[in-house]
């Protein structure tokens, strides 16, 4: 919501330099629930309710059809919206990539096609993968995470959400980057409250591109080490040597 509106929030911890084109592909929630959730979040971030209208939404419930990115028909249907977006959010992996339910190596084929397409077209892809209520239903999680740049593991304890980076390929990270928040539903909507601090829900003005000194040339300030894509090399090797034993592949 903040990136779609070019709006900073949470004391500047969310600080987009401009408006971005955001696409949400949702395979689970009815439109009324999506709208209510968006309204609650905009209230907690200090945004207007109209902010949610800046997000493009494709909903399988609203359209009464499956939205699949692991079939040629589904890909063709969603491609125009994918091309118009800069940030693509998919909720959830099993609904949009049903083949990922398999534990076979082939379960990564459609995902890797999507990730490769995003990289080639300079898109940011965010995919939600539910491991099960107890975290015991992974469905081949390692294979699905092999080619992504970062993995955030979210765990809910009471009203607090903990986020842990279990994979972080390109971005600097330190304990100071993380703030624990409690999310609370109140009469006016959702609030985001840093642990042991007052809730943050104060409006902030949008940030026109180029006007904030700290955001100038922001892309150049991102630390991304220059190293080969080992994960992709492994996948390519397996594809080229399908009869190799696992031990030989590791060597």
Protein backbone atom coordinates (compact mmCIF):
# COMPACT_ATOMS: atom_id res chain seq x y z
CA UNK A 1 0.00 0.00 0.00
CA UNK A 2 2.84 2.40 0.83
CA UNK A 3 4.75 1.63 -2.35
CA UNK A 4 1.61 1.91 -4.48
CA UNK A 5 0.98 5.38 -3.06
CA UNK A 6 4.58 6.64 -2.76
CA UNK A 7 3.88 7.14 0.94
CA UNK A 8 6.20 6.71 3.89
CA UNK A 9 5.00 5.11 7.12
CA UNK A 10 6.10 3.60 10.44
CA UNK A 11 8.40 6.52 11.27
CA UNK A 12 10.01 6.33 7.85
CA UNK A 13 10.97 2.65 8.06
CA UNK A 14 8.81 2.21 4.99
CA UNK A 15 10.07 4.94 2.68
CA UNK A 16 9.42 4.55 -1.07
CA UNK A 17 10.98 7.21 -3.26
CA UNK A 18 7.99 7.31 -5.65
CA UNK A 19 4.78 5.55 -6.56
CA UNK A 20 5.17 1.99 -7.82
CA UNK A 21 2.75 -0.09 -9.86
CA UNK A 22 1.63 -2.92 -7.54
CA UNK A 23 -0.31 -6.03 -8.59
CA UNK A 24 -1.93 -8.42 -6.10
CA UNK A 25 -2.92 -11.85 -7.45
CA UNK A 26 -5.15 -13.40 -4.80
CA UNK A 27 -6.46 -16.93 -4.93
CA UNK A 28 -8.19 -17.19 -1.57
CA UNK A 29 -10.13 -14.19 -0.27
CA UNK A 30 -13.48 -12.73 -1.37
CA UNK A 31 -13.34 -9.07 -2.50
CA UNK A 32 -15.23 -7.87 0.57
CA UNK A 33 -12.61 -9.37 2.89
CA UNK A 34 -9.78 -7.93 0.82
CA UNK A 35 -11.34 -4.47 0.99
CA UNK A 36 -11.86 -4.71 4.75
CA UNK A 37 -8.29 -5.82 5.34
CA UNK A 38 -6.96 -3.01 3.15
CA UNK A 39 -9.10 -0.48 5.04
CA UNK A 40 -7.75 -1.70 8.38
CA UNK A 41 -4.14 -1.52 7.20
CA UNK A 42 -4.44 1.93 5.61
CA UNK A 43 -5.85 3.23 8.89
CA UNK A 44 -2.92 1.79 10.82
CA UNK A 45 -0.39 3.25 8.38
CA UNK A 46 -1.94 6.71 8.37
CA UNK A 47 -3.11 6.45 4.75
CA UNK A 48 -6.49 7.40 3.34
CA UNK A 49 -8.97 4.62 2.61
CA UNK A 50 -8.68 5.48 -1.09
CA UNK A 51 -5.04 4.35 -0.99
CA UNK A 52 -6.15 0.77 -1.59
CA UNK A 53 -7.50 1.78 -5.00
CA UNK A 54 -3.92 2.30 -6.21
CA UNK A 55 -3.30 -1.48 -6.11
CA UNK A 56 -4.26 -3.60 -9.12
CA UNK A 57 -6.06 -6.75 -7.96
CA UNK A 58 -6.77 -10.02 -9.74
CA UNK A 59 -9.01 -12.19 -7.58
CA UNK A 60 -9.89 -15.78 -8.42
CA UNK A 61 -12.90 -15.55 -6.10
CA UNK A 62 -14.24 -12.38 -7.73
CA UNK A 63 -13.58 -13.67 -11.25
CA UNK A 64 -14.93 -17.14 -10.36
CA UNK A 65 -12.03 -18.92 -12.05
CA UNK A 66 -8.60 -20.27 -11.26
CA UNK A 67 -5.68 -17.90 -11.74
CA UNK A 68 -2.77 -20.23 -12.42
CA UNK A 69 0.75 -19.28 -13.47
CA UNK A 70 1.81 -22.85 -14.14
CA UNK A 71 -0.36 -23.27 -17.25
CA UNK A 72 0.01 -21.59 -20.63
CA UNK A 73 -3.61 -20.41 -20.51
CA UNK A 74 -3.25 -18.90 -17.04
CA UNK A 75 0.05 -17.24 -17.94
CA UNK A 76 -1.47 -15.64 -21.04
CA UNK A 77 -4.43 -14.40 -19.01
CA UNK A 78 -2.29 -12.74 -16.34
CA UNK A 79 0.57 -11.55 -18.56
CA UNK A 80 -0.86 -8.08 -19.42
CA UNK A 81 -1.23 -7.25 -15.72
CA UNK A 82 2.19 -8.72 -14.91
CA UNK A 83 3.75 -6.51 -17.58
CA UNK A 84 2.07 -3.38 -16.16
CA UNK A 85 3.28 -4.06 -12.61
CA UNK A 86 6.60 -3.31 -10.95
CA UNK A 87 5.81 -5.19 -7.73
CA UNK A 88 3.88 -8.47 -7.97
CA UNK A 89 2.36 -10.07 -4.85
CA UNK A 90 1.02 -13.62 -5.01
CA UNK A 91 -1.17 -15.08 -2.26
CA UNK A 92 -0.67 -17.91 -2.04
CA UNK A 93 1.82 -20.14 -3.83
CA UNK A 94 -0.39 -23.23 -3.73
CA UNK A 95 -3.33 -21.36 -5.25
CA UNK A 96 -1.46 -19.68 -8.09
CA UNK A 97 1.18 -22.40 -8.61
CA UNK A 98 -0.74 -25.60 -7.73
CA UNK A 99 2.05 -27.76 -9.16
CA UNK A 100 4.25 -26.56 -6.27
CA UNK A 101 2.32 -28.89 -3.97
CA UNK A 102 4.42 -31.75 -5.31
CA UNK A 103 7.61 -32.89 -3.58
CA UNK A 104 9.18 -33.75 -6.93
CA UNK A 105 11.95 -31.62 -8.45
CA UNK A 106 9.48 -30.63 -11.16
CA UNK A 107 7.52 -28.59 -8.61
CA UNK A 108 9.99 -25.75 -9.12
CA UNK A 109 9.60 -25.52 -12.90
CA UNK A 110 6.75 -23.00 -13.00
CA UNK A 111 8.17 -21.02 -10.07
CA UNK A 112 11.58 -20.71 -11.71
CA UNK A 113 9.93 -19.59 -14.94
CA UNK A 114 8.16 -16.83 -12.98
CA UNK A 115 11.30 -15.81 -11.06
CA UNK A 116 13.37 -15.72 -14.26
CA UNK A 117 10.71 -13.63 -15.99
CA UNK A 118 10.68 -11.17 -13.07
CA UNK A 119 14.47 -10.77 -13.19
CA UNK A 120 14.56 -10.26 -16.94
CA UNK A 121 11.78 -7.65 -16.77
CA UNK A 122 13.06 -5.91 -13.59
CA UNK A 123 10.04 -6.87 -11.48
CA UNK A 124 9.91 -7.54 -7.75
CA UNK A 125 8.02 -10.74 -6.93
CA UNK A 126 6.68 -11.49 -3.44
CA UNK A 127 5.13 -14.92 -2.91
CA UNK A 128 3.42 -16.23 0.21
CA UNK A 129 4.03 -19.91 0.96
CA UNK A 130 2.02 -21.36 3.85
CA UNK A 131 3.88 -24.16 5.59
CA UNK A 132 0.91 -25.20 7.69
CA UNK A 133 -0.41 -24.01 11.01
CA UNK A 134 2.34 -25.82 12.91
CA UNK A 135 5.09 -25.28 10.37
CA UNK A 136 5.17 -28.98 9.57
CA UNK A 137 3.85 -28.94 5.98
CA UNK A 138 6.77 -27.80 3.85
CA UNK A 139 6.02 -29.59 0.54
CA UNK A 140 9.61 -29.44 -0.65
CA UNK A 141 10.34 -25.95 0.66
CA UNK A 142 14.10 -26.16 0.03
CA UNK A 143 13.57 -26.66 -3.70
CA UNK A 144 11.14 -23.74 -3.89
CA UNK A 145 13.52 -21.39 -2.09
CA UNK A 146 16.62 -22.26 -4.10
CA UNK A 147 16.49 -19.47 -6.66
CA UNK A 148 14.89 -16.64 -4.68
CA UNK A 149 16.92 -13.73 -3.31
CA UNK A 150 15.45 -13.58 0.17
CA UNK A 151 13.18 -15.63 2.41
CA UNK A 152 11.34 -14.17 5.39
CA UNK A 153 9.90 -16.65 7.88
CA UNK A 154 6.92 -15.13 9.70
CA UNK A 155 5.74 -16.58 12.99
CA UNK A 156 2.85 -15.31 15.06
CA UNK A 157 2.98 -15.46 18.85
CA UNK A 158 -0.15 -14.06 20.44
CA UNK A 159 -0.48 -10.62 18.82
CA UNK A 160 3.18 -10.29 17.81
CA UNK A 161 4.62 -11.17 14.42
CA UNK A 162 8.25 -12.29 14.33
CA UNK A 163 10.15 -12.10 11.04
CA UNK A 164 13.40 -14.01 10.51
CA UNK A 165 15.49 -13.90 7.33
CA UNK A 166 16.32 -17.54 6.62
CA UNK A 167 17.91 -16.61 3.30
CA UNK A 168 19.41 -13.28 2.30
CA UNK A 169 21.39 -13.26 -0.92
CA UNK A 170 21.88 -9.65 -1.97
CA UNK A 171 20.99 -7.28 0.81
CA UNK A 172 22.75 -5.97 3.86
CA UNK A 173 21.18 -6.99 7.13
CA UNK A 174 21.91 -6.31 10.77
CA UNK A 175 19.99 -6.50 14.05
CA UNK A 176 19.27 -2.77 13.69
CA UNK A 177 17.26 -3.49 10.52
CA UNK A 178 14.62 -5.38 12.46
CA UNK A 179 11.89 -3.96 14.66
CA UNK A 180 9.36 -6.18 16.42
CA UNK A 181 5.76 -5.02 15.95
CA UNK A 182 2.53 -6.02 17.53
CA UNK A 183 -0.49 -5.74 15.26
CA UNK A 184 -3.72 -4.91 17.05
CA UNK A 185 -7.22 -4.64 15.69
CA UNK A 186 -9.03 -1.67 17.21
CA UNK A 187 -12.30 0.07 16.42
CA UNK A 188 -10.63 2.41 13.96
CA UNK A 189 -8.64 -0.33 12.23
CA UNK A 190 -5.29 -2.03 12.58
CA UNK A 191 -2.38 -0.47 14.49
CA UNK A 192 1.30 -1.33 14.25
CA UNK A 193 2.98 -1.03 17.62
CA UNK A 194 6.74 -1.49 18.09
CA UNK A 195 7.42 -3.61 21.15
CA UNK A 196 7.51 -1.47 24.31
CA UNK A 197 6.67 1.70 22.35
CA UNK A 198 3.56 3.68 21.50
CA UNK A 199 1.53 2.70 18.46
CA UNK A 200 2.43 4.31 15.14
CA UNK A 201 -0.52 5.58 13.13
CA UNK A 202 0.36 9.16 12.23
CA UNK A 203 -0.21 10.43 8.68
CA UNK A 204 2.84 11.37 6.64
CA UNK A 205 3.05 13.17 3.35
CA UNK A 206 3.87 11.39 0.13
CA UNK A 207 7.43 11.57 -1.13
CA UNK A 208 7.70 12.98 -4.67
CA UNK A 209 10.61 11.33 -6.48
CA UNK A 210 13.90 13.19 -6.21
CA UNK A 211 12.88 15.66 -3.49
CA UNK A 212 14.22 13.74 -0.51
CA UNK A 213 18.02 13.90 -0.30
CA UNK A 214 18.24 10.55 1.44
CA UNK A 215 16.41 8.83 -1.38
CA UNK A 216 18.41 10.28 -4.27
CA UNK A 217 20.18 7.56 -6.22
CA UNK A 218 18.72 5.06 -3.78
CA UNK A 219 19.31 2.17 -6.17
CA UNK A 220 23.05 2.91 -6.09
CA UNK A 221 23.08 2.68 -2.30
CA UNK A 222 21.84 -0.92 -2.18
CA UNK A 223 24.68 -3.29 -1.39
CA UNK A 224 24.60 -6.25 -3.77
CA UNK A 225 27.76 -8.38 -3.82
CA UNK A 226 29.01 -9.41 -7.25
CA UNK A 227 28.99 -13.19 -7.11
CA UNK A 228 27.85 -15.99 -9.43
CA UNK A 229 24.34 -17.38 -9.18
CA UNK A 230 25.32 -20.70 -7.63
CA UNK A 231 21.74 -21.82 -7.09
CA UNK A 232 20.88 -21.45 -10.77
CA UNK A 233 24.10 -23.22 -11.75
CA UNK A 234 23.07 -26.20 -9.61
CA UNK A 235 19.63 -26.33 -11.22
CA UNK A 236 21.19 -26.14 -14.70
CA UNK A 237 23.62 -28.95 -13.84
CA UNK A 238 20.82 -31.22 -12.58
CA UNK A 239 18.80 -30.56 -15.72
CA UNK A 240 21.78 -31.39 -17.94
CA UNK A 241 22.72 -34.52 -15.95
CA UNK A 242 19.39 -36.14 -14.97
CA UNK A 243 20.99 -39.53 -14.26
CA UNK A 244 23.65 -38.27 -11.84
CA UNK A 245 23.49 -39.53 -8.27
CA UNK A 246 22.94 -36.97 -5.53
CA UNK A 247 26.45 -37.46 -4.17
CA UNK A 248 27.96 -36.72 -7.58
CA UNK A 249 25.83 -33.60 -7.93
CA UNK A 250 27.00 -32.34 -4.54
CA UNK A 251 30.65 -32.91 -5.51
